PDB file of all heavy atoms in Angstrom:
ATOM      1  N   LEU A   1      23.928  58.482   6.305  1.00  0.00           N
ATOM      2  CA  LEU A   1      22.933  59.541   6.291  1.00  0.00           C
ATOM      3  C   LEU A   1      21.664  59.009   5.644  1.00  0.00           C
ATOM      4  O   LEU A   1      21.713  58.456   4.547  1.00  0.00           O
ATOM      5  CB  LEU A   1      23.447  60.749   5.511  1.00  0.00           C
ATOM      6  CG  LEU A   1      24.767  61.364   6.002  1.00  0.00           C
ATOM      7  CD1 LEU A   1      25.247  62.416   5.019  1.00  0.00           C
ATOM      8  CD2 LEU A   1      24.586  61.963   7.384  1.00  0.00           C
ATOM      9  N   VAL A   2      20.555  59.178   6.328  1.00  0.00           N
ATOM     10  CA  VAL A   2      19.272  58.693   5.832  1.00  0.00           C
ATOM     11  C   VAL A   2      18.285  59.843   5.801  1.00  0.00           C
ATOM     12  O   VAL A   2      17.910  60.375   6.849  1.00  0.00           O
ATOM     13  CB  VAL A   2      18.725  57.549   6.694  1.00  0.00           C
ATOM     14  CG1 VAL A   2      17.390  57.068   6.140  1.00  0.00           C
ATOM     15  CG2 VAL A   2      19.718  56.395   6.738  1.00  0.00           C
ATOM     16  N   GLU A   3      17.870  60.203   4.600  1.00  0.00           N
ATOM     17  CA  GLU A   3      16.898  61.274   4.426  1.00  0.00           C
ATOM     18  C   GLU A   3      15.486  60.705   4.443  1.00  0.00           C
ATOM     19  O   GLU A   3      15.249  59.592   3.966  1.00  0.00           O
ATOM     20  CB  GLU A   3      17.127  62.008   3.099  1.00  0.00           C
ATOM     21  CG  GLU A   3      18.508  62.640   2.950  1.00  0.00           C
ATOM     22  CD  GLU A   3      19.493  61.763   2.197  1.00  0.00           C
ATOM     23  OE1 GLU A   3      19.275  60.527   2.112  1.00  0.00           O
ATOM     24  OE2 GLU A   3      20.485  62.308   1.680  1.00  0.00           O
ATOM     25  N   SER A   4      14.557  61.479   4.953  1.00  0.00           N
ATOM     26  CA  SER A   4      13.164  61.072   4.973  1.00  0.00           C
ATOM     27  C   SER A   4      12.280  62.310   5.044  1.00  0.00           C
ATOM     28  O   SER A   4      12.761  63.412   5.288  1.00  0.00           O
ATOM     29  CB  SER A   4      12.877  60.143   6.153  1.00  0.00           C
ATOM     30  OG  SER A   4      13.100  60.804   7.389  1.00  0.00           O
ATOM     31  N   GLY A   5      10.996  62.107   4.845  1.00  0.00           N
ATOM     32  CA  GLY A   5      10.035  63.184   4.988  1.00  0.00           C
ATOM     33  C   GLY A   5       9.499  63.761   3.696  1.00  0.00           C
ATOM     34  O   GLY A   5       8.603  64.608   3.725  1.00  0.00           O
ATOM     35  N   GLY A   6      10.025  63.318   2.574  1.00  0.00           N
ATOM     36  CA  GLY A   6       9.539  63.827   1.307  1.00  0.00           C
ATOM     37  C   GLY A   6       8.144  63.321   1.002  1.00  0.00           C
ATOM     38  O   GLY A   6       7.614  62.452   1.683  1.00  0.00           O
ATOM     39  N   GLY A   7       7.560  63.889  -0.031  1.00  0.00           N
ATOM     40  CA  GLY A   7       6.220  63.485  -0.415  1.00  0.00           C
ATOM     41  C   GLY A   7       5.663  64.382  -1.489  1.00  0.00           C
ATOM     42  O   GLY A   7       6.365  65.214  -2.061  1.00  0.00           O
ATOM     43  N   LEU A   8       4.386  64.196  -1.760  1.00  0.00           N
ATOM     44  CA  LEU A   8       3.673  64.985  -2.754  1.00  0.00           C
ATOM     45  C   LEU A   8       2.780  65.986  -2.047  1.00  0.00           C
ATOM     46  O   LEU A   8       1.951  65.605  -1.214  1.00  0.00           O
ATOM     47  CB  LEU A   8       2.837  64.063  -3.649  1.00  0.00           C
ATOM     48  CG  LEU A   8       1.909  64.734  -4.653  1.00  0.00           C
ATOM     49  CD1 LEU A   8       2.712  65.543  -5.663  1.00  0.00           C
ATOM     50  CD2 LEU A   8       1.057  63.680  -5.361  1.00  0.00           C
ATOM     51  N   VAL A   9       2.966  67.254  -2.367  1.00  0.00           N
ATOM     52  CA  VAL A   9       2.167  68.304  -1.765  1.00  0.00           C
ATOM     53  C   VAL A   9       1.746  69.306  -2.826  1.00  0.00           C
ATOM     54  O   VAL A   9       2.361  69.404  -3.890  1.00  0.00           O
ATOM     55  CB  VAL A   9       2.925  69.046  -0.644  1.00  0.00           C
ATOM     56  CG1 VAL A   9       3.281  68.103   0.487  1.00  0.00           C
ATOM     57  CG2 VAL A   9       4.179  69.710  -1.202  1.00  0.00           C
ATOM     58  N   GLN A  10       0.701  70.049  -2.520  1.00  0.00           N
ATOM     59  CA  GLN A  10       0.264  71.109  -3.407  1.00  0.00           C
ATOM     60  C   GLN A  10       1.086  72.372  -3.164  1.00  0.00           C
ATOM     61  O   GLN A  10       1.665  72.562  -2.092  1.00  0.00           O
ATOM     62  CB  GLN A  10      -1.213  71.427  -3.192  1.00  0.00           C
ATOM     63  CG  GLN A  10      -2.168  70.343  -3.650  1.00  0.00           C
ATOM     64  CD  GLN A  10      -3.615  70.772  -3.548  1.00  0.00           C
ATOM     65  OE1 GLN A  10      -4.029  71.346  -2.546  1.00  0.00           O
ATOM     66  NE2 GLN A  10      -4.385  70.500  -4.588  1.00  0.00           N
ATOM     67  N   ALA A  11       1.138  73.212  -4.163  1.00  0.00           N
ATOM     68  CA  ALA A  11       1.826  74.485  -4.010  1.00  0.00           C
ATOM     69  C   ALA A  11       1.280  75.221  -2.790  1.00  0.00           C
ATOM     70  O   ALA A  11       0.071  75.255  -2.559  1.00  0.00           O
ATOM     71  CB  ALA A  11       1.657  75.330  -5.267  1.00  0.00           C
ATOM     72  N   GLY A  12       2.186  75.787  -2.026  1.00  0.00           N
ATOM     73  CA  GLY A  12       1.802  76.472  -0.809  1.00  0.00           C
ATOM     74  C   GLY A  12       1.842  75.595   0.422  1.00  0.00           C
ATOM     75  O   GLY A  12       1.728  76.094   1.548  1.00  0.00           O
ATOM     76  N   GLY A  13       2.018  74.304   0.222  1.00  0.00           N
ATOM     77  CA  GLY A  13       2.056  73.377   1.330  1.00  0.00           C
ATOM     78  C   GLY A  13       3.398  73.356   2.033  1.00  0.00           C
ATOM     79  O   GLY A  13       4.320  74.096   1.688  1.00  0.00           O
ATOM     80  N   SER A  14       3.498  72.468   3.018  1.00  0.00           N
ATOM     81  CA  SER A  14       4.702  72.371   3.832  1.00  0.00           C
ATOM     82  C   SER A  14       5.141  70.928   3.998  1.00  0.00           C
ATOM     83  O   SER A  14       4.332  70.003   3.956  1.00  0.00           O
ATOM     84  CB  SER A  14       4.464  72.974   5.220  1.00  0.00           C
ATOM     85  OG  SER A  14       4.097  74.334   5.141  1.00  0.00           O
ATOM     86  N   LEU A  15       6.422  70.752   4.201  1.00  0.00           N
ATOM     87  CA  LEU A  15       7.008  69.461   4.502  1.00  0.00           C
ATOM     88  C   LEU A  15       8.199  69.682   5.421  1.00  0.00           C
ATOM     89  O   LEU A  15       8.836  70.737   5.361  1.00  0.00           O
ATOM     90  CB  LEU A  15       7.489  68.735   3.245  1.00  0.00           C
ATOM     91  CG  LEU A  15       6.472  68.093   2.316  1.00  0.00           C
ATOM     92  CD1 LEU A  15       7.173  67.605   1.051  1.00  0.00           C
ATOM     93  CD2 LEU A  15       5.770  66.934   3.011  1.00  0.00           C
ATOM     94  N   ARG A  16       8.496  68.700   6.241  1.00  0.00           N
ATOM     95  CA  ARG A  16       9.711  68.737   7.038  1.00  0.00           C
ATOM     96  C   ARG A  16      10.547  67.514   6.719  1.00  0.00           C
ATOM     97  O   ARG A  16      10.123  66.380   6.950  1.00  0.00           O
ATOM     98  CB  ARG A  16       9.422  68.783   8.542  1.00  0.00           C
ATOM     99  CG  ARG A  16      10.707  69.016   9.359  1.00  0.00           C
ATOM    100  CD  ARG A  16      10.469  69.243  10.830  1.00  0.00           C
ATOM    101  NE  ARG A  16      10.259  68.003  11.563  1.00  0.00           N
ATOM    102  CZ  ARG A  16      10.470  67.867  12.870  1.00  0.00           C
ATOM    103  NH1 ARG A  16      10.881  68.912  13.581  1.00  0.00           N
ATOM    104  NH2 ARG A  16      10.236  66.713  13.453  1.00  0.00           N
ATOM    105  N   LEU A  17      11.720  67.761   6.189  1.00  0.00           N
ATOM    106  CA  LEU A  17      12.641  66.692   5.868  1.00  0.00           C
ATOM    107  C   LEU A  17      13.563  66.428   7.045  1.00  0.00           C
ATOM    108  O   LEU A  17      13.925  67.344   7.781  1.00  0.00           O
ATOM    109  CB  LEU A  17      13.479  67.047   4.638  1.00  0.00           C
ATOM    110  CG  LEU A  17      12.713  67.488   3.390  1.00  0.00           C
ATOM    111  CD1 LEU A  17      13.689  67.704   2.242  1.00  0.00           C
ATOM    112  CD2 LEU A  17      11.645  66.471   3.016  1.00  0.00           C
ATOM    113  N   SER A  18      13.941  65.178   7.205  1.00  0.00           N
ATOM    114  CA  SER A  18      14.849  64.793   8.267  1.00  0.00           C
ATOM    115  C   SER A  18      16.057  64.093   7.686  1.00  0.00           C
ATOM    116  O   SER A  18      15.957  63.381   6.686  1.00  0.00           O
ATOM    117  CB  SER A  18      14.159  63.856   9.267  1.00  0.00           C
ATOM    118  OG  SER A  18      13.065  64.484   9.894  1.00  0.00           O
ATOM    119  N   CYS A  19      17.187  64.293   8.308  1.00  0.00           N
ATOM    120  CA  CYS A  19      18.420  63.620   7.924  1.00  0.00           C
ATOM    121  C   CYS A  19      19.031  63.046   9.185  1.00  0.00           C
ATOM    122  O   CYS A  19      19.551  63.794  10.025  1.00  0.00           O
ATOM    123  CB  CYS A  19      19.383  64.599   7.250  1.00  0.00           C
ATOM    124  SG  CYS A  19      21.017  63.908   6.892  1.00  0.00           S
ATOM    125  N   ALA A  20      18.950  61.742   9.322  1.00  0.00           N
ATOM    126  CA  ALA A  20      19.478  61.061  10.497  1.00  0.00           C
ATOM    127  C   ALA A  20      20.888  60.564  10.221  1.00  0.00           C
ATOM    128  O   ALA A  20      21.124  59.865   9.238  1.00  0.00           O
ATOM    129  CB  ALA A  20      18.578  59.895  10.882  1.00  0.00           C
ATOM    130  N   ALA A  21      21.802  60.922  11.079  1.00  0.00           N
ATOM    131  CA  ALA A  21      23.199  60.549  10.914  1.00  0.00           C
ATOM    132  C   ALA A  21      23.593  59.460  11.899  1.00  0.00           C
ATOM    133  O   ALA A  21      23.109  59.411  13.032  1.00  0.00           O
ATOM    134  CB  ALA A  21      24.104  61.768  11.110  1.00  0.00           C
ATOM    135  N   SER A  22      24.480  58.603  11.458  1.00  0.00           N
ATOM    136  CA  SER A  22      25.037  57.579  12.320  1.00  0.00           C
ATOM    137  C   SER A  22      26.460  57.297  11.870  1.00  0.00           C
ATOM    138  O   SER A  22      26.893  57.764  10.824  1.00  0.00           O
ATOM    139  CB  SER A  22      24.189  56.303  12.288  1.00  0.00           C
ATOM    140  OG  SER A  22      24.119  55.765  10.980  1.00  0.00           O
ATOM    141  N   GLY A  23      27.175  56.529  12.654  1.00  0.00           N
ATOM    142  CA  GLY A  23      28.551  56.228  12.324  1.00  0.00           C
ATOM    143  C   GLY A  23      29.506  57.226  12.963  1.00  0.00           C
ATOM    144  O   GLY A  23      29.274  57.699  14.070  1.00  0.00           O
ATOM    145  N   ARG A  24      30.570  57.553  12.232  1.00  0.00           N
ATOM    146  CA  ARG A  24      31.581  58.459  12.750  1.00  0.00           C
ATOM    147  C   ARG A  24      30.969  59.756  13.238  1.00  0.00           C
ATOM    148  O   ARG A  24      30.116  60.348  12.574  1.00  0.00           O
ATOM    149  CB  ARG A  24      32.631  58.742  11.681  1.00  0.00           C
ATOM    150  CG  ARG A  24      33.733  59.681  12.136  1.00  0.00           C
ATOM    151  CD  ARG A  24      34.802  59.829  11.063  1.00  0.00           C
ATOM    152  NE  ARG A  24      34.300  60.459   9.851  1.00  0.00           N
ATOM    153  CZ  ARG A  24      34.144  61.766   9.682  1.00  0.00           C
ATOM    154  NH1 ARG A  24      34.445  62.604  10.671  1.00  0.00           N
ATOM    155  NH2 ARG A  24      33.699  62.248   8.534  1.00  0.00           N
ATOM    156  N   THR A  25      31.421  60.197  14.380  1.00  0.00           N
ATOM    157  CA  THR A  25      30.890  61.432  14.941  1.00  0.00           C
ATOM    158  C   THR A  25      31.422  62.640  14.196  1.00  0.00           C
ATOM    159  O   THR A  25      32.557  62.656  13.720  1.00  0.00           O
ATOM    160  CB  THR A  25      31.240  61.548  16.433  1.00  0.00           C
ATOM    161  OG1 THR A  25      32.664  61.515  16.601  1.00  0.00           O
ATOM    162  CG2 THR A  25      30.616  60.409  17.219  1.00  0.00           C
TER     163      THR A  25
END
């Protein structure tokens, strides 16, 4: 599992995090 998409934002802002899976189904 690989998480990505984090960052620094101001209050009220938006982010979209992703979790990419591989390996066993």
